[in-house]
């Protein structure tokens, strides 16, 4: 969090909290960045992969309600709905919370499991965020910057 002084008002600095907090502590290494799909069902990476250790606590990125805890494509997934139409998703996770449970920012949701495909560490947490039906870069909501890639416009010159 960065102090943000209100210029010219003689007020003390105001701290702005990022929209989401990190789901692992300490702040992890990003092993794979967000890559938005070009179409709703197109290829891409709809979240970020974070280096972890098996059994590491997974923390709620913000206050919300657990809306899913179960298997998706053979992997254990947990999802939390937050104010403002955001949904965070965490996998692979052994849940310690149940569907319908209210959670607070930083609360332990479960523990990271080994076995995330393509993970270069002992374990990786895949952390995804949606606003409505659109996937967004979780790093942008923590105040961090992601990895940017320029893509061709398709026109030509």
Foldseek 3Di string as FASTA:
>chain_A
DDFDDDPPPPDDTDDDAFQWAAQAPPQFDWPAFWFFAPDLPGDTQLETKTADAFFGFGWGRAKFFWADFQDDPRATKTWTADPQQKIKMKTRFDAPDDGGDIDGGGDGGGTFHADDPPDPHNHIMTMWMDRHSGTDYVCVRRVHDTDDDDDDPPDDD
